[in-house]
């Protein structure tokens, strides 16, 4: 177990070794047990976390704030209009100032081509740990909770288990790429055979795909890409259908920013058949589970019969967002000096 994590930033899971991630998962399980038993675990007594949200949030905001309260600390809920960011304050100055007031900074900034760079610039100048609550590249709080949930259902040995992350139709343009990118860069490290399925215009950032290939090679697992949703679902144990935007494709094509929303919506409309249905779930293994980070666009991304059915574990995922973020907070903001 790697226990010296105090002060370490949580920006992308690729920044953490597998041993460090195992420490985080073990801590998450311990905190979940304590929560279930009602055992006090005020590991961050009187400590302060500054939460900066550039977008709306339900699970991330509430799990992060509730987690700090349960750990004995306090979280400030901040948006750009509550700070001088809207008047031009730099990430450098924000990081330096908030470091003088508290013990951690947590940021959600999903703007394409901006979010990850912003978070890393704050972290460069902050003297306290910075936690990524989702950016344009990764959603590490979601993917680690997903891994925890999968291991609860199927055990720690995931070697050779087929995991499918598939694009789905949803009538929205701007959804970030970070959830599928976070999953393909994390799960191959733990032995899962990952299949990424999407229409050709909904490709991910090249560096995340290359990282997935590298991690699969190192761990002896498999990573592949297909443009056939049915083929992807065949024999899968975990089915994770979720919508994301065509930001990378539009970037690759050099489409002007002013034209991207219209073209993006036109591309989305071409693939209305990419929906998670009961019929598609039957292509997977009998013991297969359905996962989604929520909120799911019911009737577009997924049929009600699937998300409300016996294979769905979406609310187990949502609960584990609490336990994993508490572990991130406790290990990076508290722990050993």
Protein backbone atom coordinates (compact mmCIF):
# COMPACT_ATOMS: atom_id res chain seq x y z
CA UNK A 1 0.00 0.00 0.00
CA UNK A 2 1.28 3.45 -0.95
CA UNK A 3 0.22 5.64 1.96
CA UNK A 4 2.19 8.85 1.29
CA UNK A 5 -0.48 10.72 -0.68
CA UNK A 6 -0.92 13.88 1.33
CA UNK A 7 -0.66 16.93 -0.92
CA UNK A 8 -0.93 14.91 -4.17
CA UNK A 9 -3.15 16.35 -6.90
CA UNK A 10 -6.02 14.24 -8.29
CA UNK A 11 -6.30 15.44 -11.90
CA UNK A 12 -6.17 12.33 -14.10
CA UNK A 13 -5.96 8.70 -12.97
CA UNK A 14 -2.94 8.28 -15.24
CA UNK A 15 -1.09 10.58 -12.80
CA UNK A 16 -1.44 7.94 -10.05
CA UNK A 17 0.35 4.60 -9.95
CA UNK A 18 -1.72 1.43 -9.75
CA UNK A 19 -0.50 0.95 -6.18
CA UNK A 20 -1.73 4.42 -5.26
CA UNK A 21 -5.10 3.71 -6.89
CA UNK A 22 -5.37 0.48 -4.90
CA UNK A 23 -4.79 2.48 -1.71
CA UNK A 24 -7.59 4.81 -2.76
CA UNK A 25 -9.97 1.91 -3.45
CA UNK A 26 -9.18 0.24 -0.12
CA UNK A 27 -9.76 3.51 1.69
CA UNK A 28 -13.06 3.97 -0.17
CA UNK A 29 -14.24 0.56 1.00
CA UNK A 30 -13.27 1.31 4.59
CA UNK A 31 -15.10 4.64 4.56
CA UNK A 32 -18.17 3.00 3.01
CA UNK A 33 -18.20 0.45 5.84
CA UNK A 34 -17.90 3.19 8.47
CA UNK A 35 -20.70 5.15 6.81
CA UNK A 36 -22.94 2.07 6.83
CA UNK A 37 -22.26 1.44 10.54
CA UNK A 38 -22.61 5.06 11.55
CA UNK A 39 -19.04 5.16 12.83
CA UNK A 40 -17.56 8.65 13.17
CA UNK A 41 -14.71 9.29 10.73
CA UNK A 42 -13.86 12.96 11.13
CA UNK A 43 -10.49 12.67 9.42
CA UNK A 44 -10.48 16.27 8.13
CA UNK A 45 -11.59 18.09 11.28
CA UNK A 46 -11.84 21.86 10.66
CA UNK A 47 -10.35 21.63 7.17
CA UNK A 48 -11.68 23.56 4.17
CA UNK A 49 -12.18 22.55 0.54
CA UNK A 50 -12.91 25.19 -2.11
CA UNK A 51 -15.21 23.77 -4.83
CA UNK A 52 -15.17 25.73 -8.09
CA UNK A 53 -17.95 24.75 -10.51
CA UNK A 54 -17.96 26.16 -14.04
CA UNK A 55 -20.92 23.86 -14.90
CA UNK A 56 -23.98 22.44 -13.18
CA UNK A 57 -23.71 19.25 -11.16
CA UNK A 58 -25.83 16.93 -9.01
CA UNK A 59 -23.75 13.89 -7.99
CA UNK A 60 -20.33 15.54 -8.04
CA UNK A 61 -21.32 18.65 -6.14
CA UNK A 62 -23.35 16.86 -3.48
CA UNK A 63 -21.01 13.91 -2.97
CA UNK A 64 -18.00 16.22 -2.64
CA UNK A 65 -19.70 18.58 -0.19
CA UNK A 66 -21.37 15.82 1.82
CA UNK A 67 -18.05 14.01 1.93
CA UNK A 68 -16.27 16.97 3.47
CA UNK A 69 -19.02 17.37 6.07
CA UNK A 70 -18.87 13.70 7.02
CA UNK A 71 -15.08 13.94 7.31
CA UNK A 72 -15.44 16.84 9.73
CA UNK A 73 -14.53 19.64 7.34
CA UNK A 74 -16.36 22.22 5.25
CA UNK A 75 -16.72 22.78 1.51
CA UNK A 76 -17.24 26.19 -0.08
CA UNK A 77 -19.57 26.02 -3.09
CA UNK A 78 -18.17 28.50 -5.61
CA UNK A 79 -19.06 29.52 -9.16
CA UNK A 80 -17.20 32.02 -11.37
CA UNK A 81 -19.83 34.70 -10.72
CA UNK A 82 -19.11 34.43 -6.98
CA UNK A 83 -15.41 35.03 -7.57
CA UNK A 84 -13.24 37.45 -9.52
CA UNK A 85 -12.68 34.83 -12.24
CA UNK A 86 -15.49 36.43 -14.23
CA UNK A 87 -13.51 39.70 -14.06
CA UNK A 88 -10.28 38.15 -15.32
CA UNK A 89 -8.53 36.72 -12.26
CA UNK A 90 -5.91 34.25 -13.47
CA UNK A 91 -5.64 30.56 -12.48
CA UNK A 92 -2.24 31.40 -10.98
CA UNK A 93 -3.66 34.02 -8.63
CA UNK A 94 -6.69 31.89 -7.75
CA UNK A 95 -4.44 28.96 -6.80
CA UNK A 96 -2.12 31.09 -4.73
CA UNK A 97 -4.88 32.92 -2.84
CA UNK A 98 -7.04 29.89 -2.02
CA UNK A 99 -3.93 28.06 -0.82
CA UNK A 100 -3.64 30.67 1.93
CA UNK A 101 -7.20 30.03 3.15
CA UNK A 102 -7.71 26.28 3.23
CA UNK A 103 -6.55 22.76 2.55
CA UNK A 104 -7.78 21.75 -0.91
CA UNK A 105 -9.20 23.07 -4.19
CA UNK A 106 -11.68 21.09 -6.29
CA UNK A 107 -12.58 22.24 -9.81
CA UNK A 108 -15.08 21.25 -12.49
CA UNK A 109 -14.29 22.86 -15.84
CA UNK A 110 -15.39 20.88 -18.91
CA UNK A 111 -14.87 23.50 -21.62
CA UNK A 112 -13.23 21.73 -24.55
CA UNK A 113 -9.55 22.54 -24.89
CA UNK A 114 -9.69 24.65 -21.73
CA UNK A 115 -10.70 22.65 -18.65
CA UNK A 116 -7.70 20.38 -18.08
CA UNK A 117 -5.25 23.19 -18.84
CA UNK A 118 -7.03 25.48 -16.37
CA UNK A 119 -7.01 22.89 -13.58
CA UNK A 120 -3.35 22.08 -14.13
CA UNK A 121 -2.43 25.77 -14.10
CA UNK A 122 -4.20 26.25 -10.78
CA UNK A 123 -2.39 23.17 -9.44
CA UNK A 124 0.98 24.46 -10.65
CA UNK A 125 0.67 27.52 -8.44
CA UNK A 126 -1.34 26.12 -5.51
CA UNK A 127 0.46 24.81 -2.44
CA UNK A 128 -2.52 22.61 -1.50
CA UNK A 129 -3.88 19.59 -3.44
CA UNK A 130 -6.15 20.15 -6.43
CA UNK A 131 -8.96 17.70 -7.22
CA UNK A 132 -10.43 17.41 -10.72
CA UNK A 133 -14.23 17.18 -10.44
CA UNK A 134 -14.42 16.74 -14.25
CA UNK A 135 -12.68 18.43 -17.13
CA UNK A 136 -12.57 18.04 -20.89
CA UNK A 137 -10.04 15.19 -20.69
CA UNK A 138 -10.96 13.06 -17.68
CA UNK A 139 -13.60 12.53 -15.00
CA UNK A 140 -11.43 10.66 -12.50
CA UNK A 141 -13.95 10.86 -9.66
CA UNK A 142 -16.47 9.02 -11.86
CA UNK A 143 -14.17 6.36 -13.27
CA UNK A 144 -12.72 5.37 -9.88
CA UNK A 145 -16.25 5.05 -8.47
CA UNK A 146 -17.18 2.93 -11.49
CA UNK A 147 -14.19 0.65 -10.89
CA UNK A 148 -15.14 0.30 -7.23
CA UNK A 149 -18.68 -0.65 -8.26
CA UNK A 150 -17.52 -3.22 -10.81
CA UNK A 151 -15.22 -4.87 -8.24
CA UNK A 152 -18.06 -5.00 -5.72
CA UNK A 153 -20.20 -6.89 -8.25
CA UNK A 154 -17.57 -9.17 -9.83
CA UNK A 155 -14.60 -9.33 -7.45
CA UNK A 156 -11.09 -7.96 -7.66
CA UNK A 157 -9.92 -10.24 -10.48
CA UNK A 158 -11.27 -8.58 -13.63
CA UNK A 159 -8.78 -10.21 -16.00
CA UNK A 160 -10.37 -10.89 -19.39
CA UNK A 161 -13.74 -9.40 -18.48
CA UNK A 162 -15.31 -7.52 -21.41
CA UNK A 163 -16.27 -3.92 -20.69
CA UNK A 164 -18.07 -1.87 -23.34
CA UNK A 165 -18.23 1.90 -23.33
CA UNK A 166 -20.52 2.88 -26.17
CA UNK A 167 -21.69 6.19 -27.57
CA UNK A 168 -25.45 6.68 -27.49
CA UNK A 169 -27.82 9.11 -29.10
CA UNK A 170 -29.01 12.09 -27.06
CA UNK A 171 -30.36 15.40 -28.38
CA UNK A 172 -27.57 17.50 -26.86
CA UNK A 173 -24.36 18.75 -28.49
CA UNK A 174 -21.95 19.86 -25.80
CA UNK A 175 -21.53 16.75 -23.63
CA UNK A 176 -17.84 16.27 -22.80
CA UNK A 177 -15.63 13.33 -23.78
CA UNK A 178 -14.25 12.93 -20.27
CA UNK A 179 -16.29 9.94 -19.05
CA UNK A 180 -15.37 7.55 -21.89
CA UNK A 181 -11.79 8.85 -21.86
CA UNK A 182 -11.52 8.31 -18.12
CA UNK A 183 -12.82 4.76 -18.42
CA UNK A 184 -10.56 3.68 -21.29
CA UNK A 185 -7.46 5.01 -19.52
CA UNK A 186 -8.30 3.40 -16.16
CA UNK A 187 -9.95 0.02 -16.69
CA UNK A 188 -7.28 -1.64 -18.89
CA UNK A 189 -4.82 -1.10 -16.03
CA UNK A 190 -6.96 -3.42 -13.91
CA UNK A 191 -7.16 -6.21 -16.48
CA UNK A 192 -10.45 -5.50 -18.21
CA UNK A 193 -10.81 -6.01 -21.96
CA UNK A 194 -12.21 -2.63 -23.03
CA UNK A 195 -14.21 -2.05 -26.20
CA UNK A 196 -14.90 1.52 -27.27
CA UNK A 197 -17.87 1.82 -29.65
CA UNK A 198 -18.92 4.98 -31.46
CA UNK A 199 -19.91 6.35 -34.88
CA UNK A 200 -16.79 7.44 -36.74
CA UNK A 201 -17.46 11.16 -36.12
CA UNK A 202 -17.48 10.70 -32.33
CA UNK A 203 -13.83 9.79 -31.83
CA UNK A 204 -11.99 10.66 -28.65
CA UNK A 205 -8.81 12.65 -28.06
CA UNK A 206 -5.87 10.77 -29.62
CA UNK A 207 -3.75 10.92 -26.48
CA UNK A 208 -6.39 9.13 -24.43
CA UNK A 209 -6.78 6.37 -27.02
CA UNK A 210 -3.01 5.93 -27.15
CA UNK A 211 -2.88 5.74 -23.35
CA UNK A 212 -5.58 3.05 -23.37
CA UNK A 213 -3.54 1.00 -25.88
CA UNK A 214 -0.39 1.41 -23.79
CA UNK A 215 -2.06 0.38 -20.52
CA UNK A 216 -3.69 -2.64 -22.17
CA UNK A 217 -0.31 -3.78 -23.50
CA UNK A 218 1.35 -3.38 -20.10
CA UNK A 219 -1.37 -5.23 -18.20
CA UNK A 220 -1.95 -7.94 -20.81
CA UNK A 221 -5.55 -6.87 -21.36
CA UNK A 222 -7.19 -5.83 -24.63
CA UNK A 223 -8.39 -2.51 -26.01
CA UNK A 224 -10.28 -2.15 -29.28
CA UNK A 225 -12.48 0.32 -31.16
CA UNK A 226 -15.57 -0.52 -33.21
CA UNK A 227 -18.22 1.47 -35.03
CA UNK A 228 -20.87 -1.24 -34.54
CA UNK A 229 -22.89 -1.01 -31.31
CA UNK A 230 -24.38 -4.50 -31.61
CA UNK A 231 -20.97 -6.06 -32.18
CA UNK A 232 -19.64 -4.26 -29.12
CA UNK A 233 -22.38 -5.60 -26.86
CA UNK A 234 -21.84 -9.24 -27.81
CA UNK A 235 -20.42 -11.16 -24.86
CA UNK A 236 -19.99 -8.07 -22.69
CA UNK A 237 -20.13 -8.33 -18.89
CA UNK A 238 -20.37 -4.59 -18.28
CA UNK A 239 -22.37 -2.37 -20.67
CA UNK A 240 -21.81 1.36 -20.27
CA UNK A 241 -23.75 3.23 -23.01
CA UNK A 242 -23.39 7.00 -22.72
CA UNK A 243 -23.64 10.04 -24.97
CA UNK A 244 -20.76 12.41 -25.74
CA UNK A 245 -20.11 15.15 -28.25
CA UNK A 246 -18.18 15.20 -31.53
CA UNK A 247 -15.76 17.88 -30.30
CA UNK A 248 -12.61 16.06 -31.40
CA UNK A 249 -13.96 15.34 -34.89
CA UNK A 250 -14.96 18.98 -35.41
CA UNK A 251 -11.53 20.04 -34.15
CA UNK A 252 -9.82 17.59 -36.52
CA UNK A 253 -11.88 18.91 -39.45
CA UNK A 254 -11.03 22.52 -38.64
CA UNK A 255 -14.68 23.54 -38.35
CA UNK A 256 -15.03 27.17 -37.18
CA UNK A 257 -16.38 27.56 -33.65
CA UNK A 258 -19.42 29.44 -34.94
CA UNK A 259 -20.49 26.44 -37.06
CA UNK A 260 -19.77 23.63 -34.61
CA UNK A 261 -23.07 23.45 -32.76
CA UNK A 262 -25.19 23.18 -35.92
CA UNK A 263 -22.92 20.62 -37.56
CA UNK A 264 -22.65 18.71 -34.28
CA UNK A 265 -26.42 18.49 -33.94
CA UNK A 266 -26.73 17.31 -37.55
CA UNK A 267 -24.20 14.54 -36.89
CA UNK A 268 -25.96 13.44 -33.71
CA UNK A 269 -29.28 13.18 -35.58
CA UNK A 270 -27.75 10.66 -37.99
CA UNK A 271 -27.40 8.05 -35.26
CA UNK A 272 -30.73 7.89 -33.46
CA UNK A 273 -30.58 4.10 -33.53
CA UNK A 274 -27.63 4.08 -31.12
CA UNK A 275 -29.81 3.43 -28.04
CA UNK A 276 -29.38 0.94 -25.21
CA UNK A 277 -32.40 -1.33 -25.56
CA UNK A 278 -33.52 -4.55 -23.91
CA UNK A 279 -32.76 -6.27 -27.22
CA UNK A 280 -29.18 -5.01 -27.20
CA UNK A 281 -28.68 -5.99 -23.56
CA UNK A 282 -29.59 -9.56 -24.55
CA UNK A 283 -26.50 -9.60 -26.79
CA UNK A 284 -24.38 -9.31 -23.66
CA UNK A 285 -23.72 -12.13 -21.21
CA UNK A 286 -26.54 -13.29 -18.96
CA UNK A 287 -24.86 -11.80 -15.88
CA UNK A 288 -24.17 -8.47 -17.61
CA UNK A 289 -24.86 -5.20 -15.82
CA UNK A 290 -25.92 -1.80 -17.16
CA UNK A 291 -23.99 1.27 -15.99
CA UNK A 292 -24.37 5.01 -16.58
CA UNK A 293 -22.87 8.02 -14.72
CA UNK A 294 -26.24 9.81 -14.74
CA UNK A 295 -28.20 11.81 -15.63
CA UNK A 296 -29.31 9.47 -18.41
CA UNK A 297 -31.49 10.80 -21.20
CA UNK A 298 -34.34 8.33 -20.85
CA UNK A 299 -35.96 7.34 -24.12
CA UNK A 300 -32.93 8.56 -26.08
CA UNK A 301 -29.80 7.05 -24.56
CA UNK A 302 -31.58 4.17 -22.85
CA UNK A 303 -34.98 2.52 -22.53
CA UNK A 304 -36.70 2.80 -19.16
CA UNK A 305 -36.93 -0.99 -19.04
CA UNK A 306 -33.12 -1.18 -19.01
CA UNK A 307 -32.21 1.60 -16.59
CA UNK A 308 -35.00 0.56 -14.20
CA UNK A 309 -34.48 -3.16 -14.79
CA UNK A 310 -32.67 -5.86 -12.78
CA UNK A 311 -29.38 -5.45 -14.67
CA UNK A 312 -29.06 -1.76 -13.82
CA UNK A 313 -26.57 -0.77 -11.12
CA UNK A 314 -26.63 2.99 -11.76
CA UNK A 315 -27.57 3.92 -8.21
CA UNK A 316 -24.81 1.77 -6.75
CA UNK A 317 -22.45 3.77 -8.97
CA UNK A 318 -23.98 7.03 -7.76
CA UNK A 319 -23.57 6.02 -4.11
CA UNK A 320 -19.95 5.09 -4.61
CA UNK A 321 -19.25 8.61 -5.85
CA UNK A 322 -19.57 9.60 -2.18
CA UNK A 323 -17.23 6.98 -0.77
CA UNK A 324 -14.52 7.42 -3.39
CA UNK A 325 -14.45 11.21 -3.22
CA UNK A 326 -14.19 10.98 0.57
CA UNK A 327 -11.16 8.75 0.13
CA UNK A 328 -9.63 11.25 -2.32
CA UNK A 329 -10.25 14.10 0.12
CA UNK A 330 -8.97 12.20 3.16
CA UNK A 331 -5.80 10.89 1.52
CA UNK A 332 -4.77 14.10 -0.26
CA UNK A 333 -5.87 16.68 2.33
CA UNK A 334 -5.18 14.70 5.50
CA UNK A 335 -3.24 11.52 6.06
CA UNK A 336 0.45 11.26 6.78
CA UNK A 337 2.54 14.45 6.72
